[in-house]
Amino acid sequence: MKSFYMIGFFLSVLFLAGLYLYTLFVSSSFSWGWLLAGFYSVLFIFYAGYKIKTSRNKSGGVKQ
């Protein structure tokens, strides 16, 4: 299950990097606040999911 979070995190980083390059070369009127908010929200989602998964495993929950 850990690999799922790593793959999702990697894909989200690739997506944001592509978005960054696209806005850098194509559009200069992009709001950087939205990009940062999206980046940190993705980071938080994966971090929270990972912490929930590890805490479930430690407390004798369902292991995957």
PDB file of N, CA and C in Angstrom:
ATOM      1  N   MET A   1       0.832  -1.206   0.000  1.00  0.00           N
ATOM      2  CA  MET A   1       0.000   0.000   0.000  1.00  0.00           C
ATOM      3  C   MET A   1       0.868   1.258   0.000  1.00  0.00           C
ATOM      4  N   LYS A   2       2.058   1.149   0.576  1.00  0.00           N
ATOM      5  CA  LYS A   2       2.944   2.312   0.616  1.00  0.00           C
ATOM      6  C   LYS A   2       3.335   2.745  -0.797  1.00  0.00           C
ATOM      7  N   SER A   3       3.518   1.763  -1.693  1.00  0.00           N
ATOM      8  CA  SER A   3       3.908   2.096  -3.064  1.00  0.00           C
ATOM      9  C   SER A   3       2.812   2.896  -3.763  1.00  0.00           C
ATOM     10  N   PHE A   4       1.561   2.658  -3.371  1.00  0.00           N
ATOM     11  CA  PHE A   4       0.454   3.410  -3.960  1.00  0.00           C
ATOM     12  C   PHE A   4       0.590   4.895  -3.653  1.00  0.00           C
ATOM     13  N   TYR A   5       0.928   5.206  -2.405  1.00  0.00           N
ATOM     14  CA  TYR A   5       1.096   6.614  -2.034  1.00  0.00           C
ATOM     15  C   TYR A   5       2.308   7.217  -2.730  1.00  0.00           C
ATOM     16  N   MET A   6       3.376   6.440  -2.867  1.00  0.00           N
ATOM     17  CA  MET A   6       4.573   6.947  -3.532  1.00  0.00           C
ATOM     18  C   MET A   6       4.286   7.230  -5.003  1.00  0.00           C
ATOM     19  N   ILE A   7       3.549   6.323  -5.657  1.00  0.00           N
ATOM     20  CA  ILE A   7       3.212   6.520  -7.071  1.00  0.00           C
ATOM     21  C   ILE A   7       2.316   7.748  -7.227  1.00  0.00           C
ATOM     22  N   GLY A   8       1.333   7.870  -6.349  1.00  0.00           N
ATOM     23  CA  GLY A   8       0.439   9.022  -6.417  1.00  0.00           C
ATOM     24  C   GLY A   8       1.179  10.329  -6.184  1.00  0.00           C
ATOM     25  N   PHE A   9       2.086  10.305  -5.210  1.00  0.00           N
ATOM     26  CA  PHE A   9       2.876  11.502  -4.921  1.00  0.00           C
ATOM     27  C   PHE A   9       3.749  11.860  -6.116  1.00  0.00           C
ATOM     28  N   PHE A  10       4.388  10.847  -6.725  1.00  0.00           N
ATOM     29  CA  PHE A  10       5.262  11.084  -7.875  1.00  0.00           C
ATOM     30  C   PHE A  10       4.473  11.645  -9.048  1.00  0.00           C
ATOM     31  N   LEU A  11       3.296  11.078  -9.306  1.00  0.00           N
ATOM     32  CA  LEU A  11       2.468  11.564 -10.411  1.00  0.00           C
ATOM     33  C   LEU A  11       2.006  12.998 -10.167  1.00  0.00           C
ATOM     34  N   SER A  12       1.651  13.307  -8.923  1.00  0.00           N
ATOM     35  CA  SER A  12       1.206  14.672  -8.630  1.00  0.00           C
ATOM     36  C   SER A  12       2.353  15.662  -8.786  1.00  0.00           C
ATOM     37  N   VAL A  13       3.563  15.245  -8.393  1.00  0.00           N
ATOM     38  CA  VAL A  13       4.723  16.122  -8.576  1.00  0.00           C
ATOM     39  C   VAL A  13       4.993  16.334 -10.061  1.00  0.00           C
ATOM     40  N   LEU A  14       4.902  15.258 -10.852  1.00  0.00           N
ATOM     41  CA  LEU A  14       5.096  15.385 -12.296  1.00  0.00           C
ATOM     42  C   LEU A  14       4.050  16.314 -12.899  1.00  0.00           C
ATOM     43  N   PHE A  15       2.801  16.168 -12.464  1.00  0.00           N
ATOM     44  CA  PHE A  15       1.722  17.005 -12.976  1.00  0.00           C
ATOM     45  C   PHE A  15       1.968  18.474 -12.654  1.00  0.00           C
ATOM     46  N   LEU A  16       2.372  18.742 -11.414  1.00  0.00           N
ATOM     47  CA  LEU A  16       2.616  20.128 -11.017  1.00  0.00           C
ATOM     48  C   LEU A  16       3.836  20.698 -11.722  1.00  0.00           C
ATOM     49  N   ALA A  17       4.844  19.858 -11.962  1.00  0.00           N
ATOM     50  CA  ALA A  17       6.022  20.324 -12.696  1.00  0.00           C
ATOM     51  C   ALA A  17       5.645  20.664 -14.133  1.00  0.00           C
ATOM     52  N   GLY A  18       4.799  19.830 -14.739  1.00  0.00           N
ATOM     53  CA  GLY A  18       4.328  20.113 -16.088  1.00  0.00           C
ATOM     54  C   GLY A  18       3.501  21.384 -16.139  1.00  0.00           C
ATOM     55  N   LEU A  19       2.651  21.565 -15.131  1.00  0.00           N
ATOM     56  CA  LEU A  19       1.844  22.781 -15.051  1.00  0.00           C
ATOM     57  C   LEU A  19       2.734  24.006 -14.893  1.00  0.00           C
ATOM     58  N   TYR A  20       3.768  23.863 -14.078  1.00  0.00           N
ATOM     59  CA  TYR A  20       4.719  24.965 -13.863  1.00  0.00           C
ATOM     60  C   TYR A  20       5.418  25.339 -15.163  1.00  0.00           C
ATOM     61  N   LEU A  21       5.920  24.333 -15.892  1.00  0.00           N
ATOM     62  CA  LEU A  21       6.615  24.605 -17.149  1.00  0.00           C
ATOM     63  C   LEU A  21       5.659  25.199 -18.180  1.00  0.00           C
ATOM     64  N   TYR A  22       4.423  24.675 -18.219  1.00  0.00           N
ATOM     65  CA  TYR A  22       3.442  25.188 -19.172  1.00  0.00           C
ATOM     66  C   TYR A  22       3.154  26.665 -18.914  1.00  0.00           C
ATOM     67  N   THR A  23       2.914  27.001 -17.651  1.00  0.00           N
ATOM     68  CA  THR A  23       2.601  28.396 -17.337  1.00  0.00           C
ATOM     69  C   THR A  23       3.819  29.287 -17.516  1.00  0.00           C
ATOM     70  N   LEU A  24       5.006  28.716 -17.294  1.00  0.00           N
ATOM     71  CA  LEU A  24       6.229  29.501 -17.433  1.00  0.00           C
ATOM     72  C   LEU A  24       6.444  29.911 -18.889  1.00  0.00           C
ATOM     73  N   PHE A  25       6.191  28.973 -19.815  1.00  0.00           N
ATOM     74  CA  PHE A  25       6.496  29.238 -21.219  1.00  0.00           C
ATOM     75  C   PHE A  25       5.297  29.728 -22.020  1.00  0.00           C
ATOM     76  N   VAL A  26       4.079  29.407 -21.587  1.00  0.00           N
ATOM     77  CA  VAL A  26       2.901  29.727 -22.394  1.00  0.00           C
ATOM     78  C   VAL A  26       2.139  30.920 -21.827  1.00  0.00           C
ATOM     79  N   SER A  27       1.860  30.875 -20.545  1.00  0.00           N
ATOM     80  CA  SER A  27       1.027  31.922 -19.949  1.00  0.00           C
ATOM     81  C   SER A  27       1.763  32.572 -18.792  1.00  0.00           C
ATOM     82  N   SER A  28       1.836  33.891 -18.829  1.00  0.00           N
ATOM     83  CA  SER A  28       2.505  34.614 -17.750  1.00  0.00           C
ATOM     84  C   SER A  28       1.490  35.204 -16.773  1.00  0.00           C
ATOM     85  N   SER A  29       0.194  34.966 -17.036  1.00  0.00           N
ATOM     86  CA  SER A  29      -0.838  35.549 -16.181  1.00  0.00           C
ATOM     87  C   SER A  29      -1.393  34.524 -15.202  1.00  0.00           C
ATOM     88  N   PHE A  30      -0.607  33.501 -14.910  1.00  0.00           N
ATOM     89  CA  PHE A  30      -1.060  32.452 -13.995  1.00  0.00           C
ATOM     90  C   PHE A  30      -0.855  32.893 -12.549  1.00  0.00           C
ATOM     91  N   SER A  31      -1.817  32.547 -11.708  1.00  0.00           N
ATOM     92  CA  SER A  31      -1.719  32.922 -10.297  1.00  0.00           C
ATOM     93  C   SER A  31      -0.880  31.895  -9.547  1.00  0.00           C
ATOM     94  N   TRP A  32       0.246  32.346  -9.006  1.00  0.00           N
ATOM     95  CA  TRP A  32       1.145  31.416  -8.298  1.00  0.00           C
ATOM     96  C   TRP A  32       0.535  30.939  -6.992  1.00  0.00           C
ATOM     97  N   GLY A  33      -0.389  31.700  -6.421  1.00  0.00           N
ATOM     98  CA  GLY A  33      -1.046  31.261  -5.190  1.00  0.00           C
ATOM     99  C   GLY A  33      -1.808  29.960  -5.391  1.00  0.00           C
ATOM    100  N   TRP A  34      -2.470  29.824  -6.556  1.00  0.00           N
ATOM    101  CA  TRP A  34      -3.220  28.603  -6.835  1.00  0.00           C
ATOM    102  C   TRP A  34      -2.288  27.414  -6.980  1.00  0.00           C
ATOM    103  N   LEU A  35      -1.139  27.621  -7.627  1.00  0.00           N
ATOM    104  CA  LEU A  35      -0.196  26.517  -7.813  1.00  0.00           C
ATOM    105  C   LEU A  35       0.351  26.050  -6.471  1.00  0.00           C
ATOM    106  N   LEU A  36       0.733  27.008  -5.624  1.00  0.00           N
ATOM    107  CA  LEU A  36       1.256  26.640  -4.302  1.00  0.00           C
ATOM    108  C   LEU A  36       0.181  25.963  -3.456  1.00  0.00           C
ATOM    109  N   ALA A  37      -1.041  26.479  -3.522  1.00  0.00           N
ATOM    110  CA  ALA A  37      -2.130  25.880  -2.750  1.00  0.00           C
ATOM    111  C   ALA A  37      -2.388  24.445  -3.209  1.00  0.00           C
ATOM    112  N   GLY A  38      -2.387  24.229  -4.518  1.00  0.00           N
ATOM    113  CA  GLY A  38      -2.585  22.882  -5.042  1.00  0.00           C
ATOM    114  C   GLY A  38      -1.462  21.947  -4.642  1.00  0.00           C
ATOM    115  N   PHE A  39      -0.231  22.446  -4.699  1.00  0.00           N
ATOM    116  CA  PHE A  39       0.930  21.625  -4.349  1.00  0.00           C
ATOM    117  C   PHE A  39       0.874  21.193  -2.890  1.00  0.00           C
ATOM    118  N   TYR A  40       0.612  22.151  -1.999  1.00  0.00           N
ATOM    119  CA  TYR A  40       0.596  21.809  -0.577  1.00  0.00           C
ATOM    120  C   TYR A  40      -0.625  20.980  -0.200  1.00  0.00           C
ATOM    121  N   SER A  41      -1.749  21.173  -0.894  1.00  0.00           N
ATOM    122  CA  SER A  41      -2.918  20.346  -0.600  1.00  0.00           C
ATOM    123  C   SER A  41      -2.667  18.898  -1.010  1.00  0.00           C
ATOM    124  N   VAL A  42      -1.991  18.693  -2.156  1.00  0.00           N
ATOM    125  CA  VAL A  42      -1.643  17.336  -2.584  1.00  0.00           C
ATOM    126  C   VAL A  42      -0.686  16.701  -1.580  1.00  0.00           C
ATOM    127  N   LEU A  43       0.325  17.457  -1.159  1.00  0.00           N
ATOM    128  CA  LEU A  43       1.268  16.951  -0.155  1.00  0.00           C
ATOM    129  C   LEU A  43       0.534  16.558   1.122  1.00  0.00           C
ATOM    130  N   PHE A  44      -0.377  17.410   1.572  1.00  0.00           N
ATOM    131  CA  PHE A  44      -1.096  17.138   2.817  1.00  0.00           C
ATOM    132  C   PHE A  44      -1.978  15.904   2.689  1.00  0.00           C
ATOM    133  N   ILE A  45      -2.652  15.748   1.534  1.00  0.00           N
ATOM    134  CA  ILE A  45      -3.532  14.597   1.329  1.00  0.00           C
ATOM    135  C   ILE A  45      -2.734  13.296   1.414  1.00  0.00           C
ATOM    136  N   PHE A  46      -1.589  13.246   0.732  1.00  0.00           N
ATOM    137  CA  PHE A  46      -0.801  12.016   0.746  1.00  0.00           C
ATOM    138  C   PHE A  46      -0.169  11.774   2.110  1.00  0.00           C
ATOM    139  N   TYR A  47       0.266  12.832   2.776  1.00  0.00           N
ATOM    140  CA  TYR A  47       0.854  12.680   4.104  1.00  0.00           C
ATOM    141  C   TYR A  47      -0.193  12.187   5.101  1.00  0.00           C
ATOM    142  N   ALA A  48      -1.388  12.774   5.035  1.00  0.00           N
ATOM    143  CA  ALA A  48      -2.457  12.359   5.944  1.00  0.00           C
ATOM    144  C   ALA A  48      -2.855  10.908   5.678  1.00  0.00           C
ATOM    145  N   GLY A  49      -2.975  10.537   4.415  1.00  0.00           N
ATOM    146  CA  GLY A  49      -3.312   9.158   4.076  1.00  0.00           C
ATOM    147  C   GLY A  49      -2.252   8.184   4.551  1.00  0.00           C
ATOM    148  N   TYR A  50      -1.001   8.567   4.418  1.00  0.00           N
ATOM    149  CA  TYR A  50       0.093   7.703   4.866  1.00  0.00           C
ATOM    150  C   TYR A  50       0.081   7.558   6.387  1.00  0.00           C
ATOM    151  N   LYS A  51      -0.157   8.660   7.103  1.00  0.00           N
ATOM    152  CA  LYS A  51      -0.179   8.586   8.564  1.00  0.00           C
ATOM    153  C   LYS A  51      -1.363   7.750   9.054  1.00  0.00           C
ATOM    154  N   ILE A  52      -2.511   7.893   8.415  1.00  0.00           N
ATOM    155  CA  ILE A  52      -3.682   7.097   8.792  1.00  0.00           C
ATOM    156  C   ILE A  52      -3.395   5.617   8.571  1.00  0.00           C
ATOM    157  N   LYS A  53      -2.759   5.300   7.448  1.00  0.00           N
ATOM    158  CA  LYS A  53      -2.456   3.905   7.128  1.00  0.00           C
ATOM    159  C   LYS A  53      -1.484   3.311   8.133  1.00  0.00           C
ATOM    160  N   THR A  54      -0.425   4.053   8.488  1.00  0.00           N
ATOM    161  CA  THR A  54       0.568   3.518   9.417  1.00  0.00           C
ATOM    162  C   THR A  54      -0.021   3.404  10.824  1.00  0.00           C
ATOM    163  N   SER A  55      -0.864   4.353  11.226  1.00  0.00           N
ATOM    164  CA  SER A  55      -1.448   4.277  12.564  1.00  0.00           C
ATOM    165  C   SER A  55      -2.430   3.106  12.646  1.00  0.00           C
ATOM    166  N   ARG A  56      -3.130   2.803  11.561  1.00  0.00           N
ATOM    167  CA  ARG A  56      -4.028   1.651  11.548  1.00  0.00           C
ATOM    168  C   ARG A  56      -3.235   0.360  11.694  1.00  0.00           C
ATOM    169  N   ASN A  57      -2.102   0.276  11.000  1.00  0.00           N
ATOM    170  CA  ASN A  57      -1.287  -0.932  11.086  1.00  0.00           C
ATOM    171  C   ASN A  57      -0.750  -1.126  12.497  1.00  0.00           C
ATOM    172  N   LYS A  58      -0.330  -0.046  13.144  1.00  0.00           N
ATOM    173  CA  LYS A  58       0.241  -0.160  14.488  1.00  0.00           C
ATOM    174  C   LYS A  58      -0.820  -0.546  15.508  1.00  0.00           C
ATOM    175  N   SER A  59      -2.051  -0.137  15.295  1.00  0.00           N
ATOM    176  CA  SER A  59      -3.104  -0.425  16.263  1.00  0.00           C
ATOM    177  C   SER A  59      -3.799  -1.748  15.964  1.00  0.00           C
ATOM    178  N   GLY A  60      -3.233  -2.563  15.095  1.00  0.00           N
ATOM    179  CA  GLY A  60      -3.796  -3.876  14.816  1.00  0.00           C
ATOM    180  C   GLY A  60      -4.946  -3.845  13.842  1.00  0.00           C
ATOM    181  N   GLY A  61      -4.977  -2.844  12.982  1.00  0.00           N
ATOM    182  CA  GLY A  61      -6.029  -2.757  11.982  1.00  0.00           C
ATOM    183  C   GLY A  61      -5.778  -3.715  10.833  1.00  0.00           C
ATOM    184  N   VAL A  62      -6.530  -3.538   9.768  1.00  0.00           N
ATOM    185  CA  VAL A  62      -6.397  -4.414   8.611  1.00  0.00           C
ATOM    186  C   VAL A  62      -5.115  -4.078   7.871  1.00  0.00           C
ATOM    187  N   LYS A  63      -4.266  -5.073   7.687  1.00  0.00           N
ATOM    188  CA  LYS A  63      -3.027  -4.847   6.936  1.00  0.00           C
ATOM    189  C   LYS A  63      -3.254  -5.198   5.478  1.00  0.00           C
ATOM    190  N   GLN A  64      -2.609  -4.432   4.629  1.00  0.00           N
ATOM    191  CA  GLN A  64      -2.763  -4.687   3.194  1.00  0.00           C
ATOM    192  C   GLN A  64      -1.449  -5.073   2.583  1.00  0.00           C
TER     193      GLN A  64
END
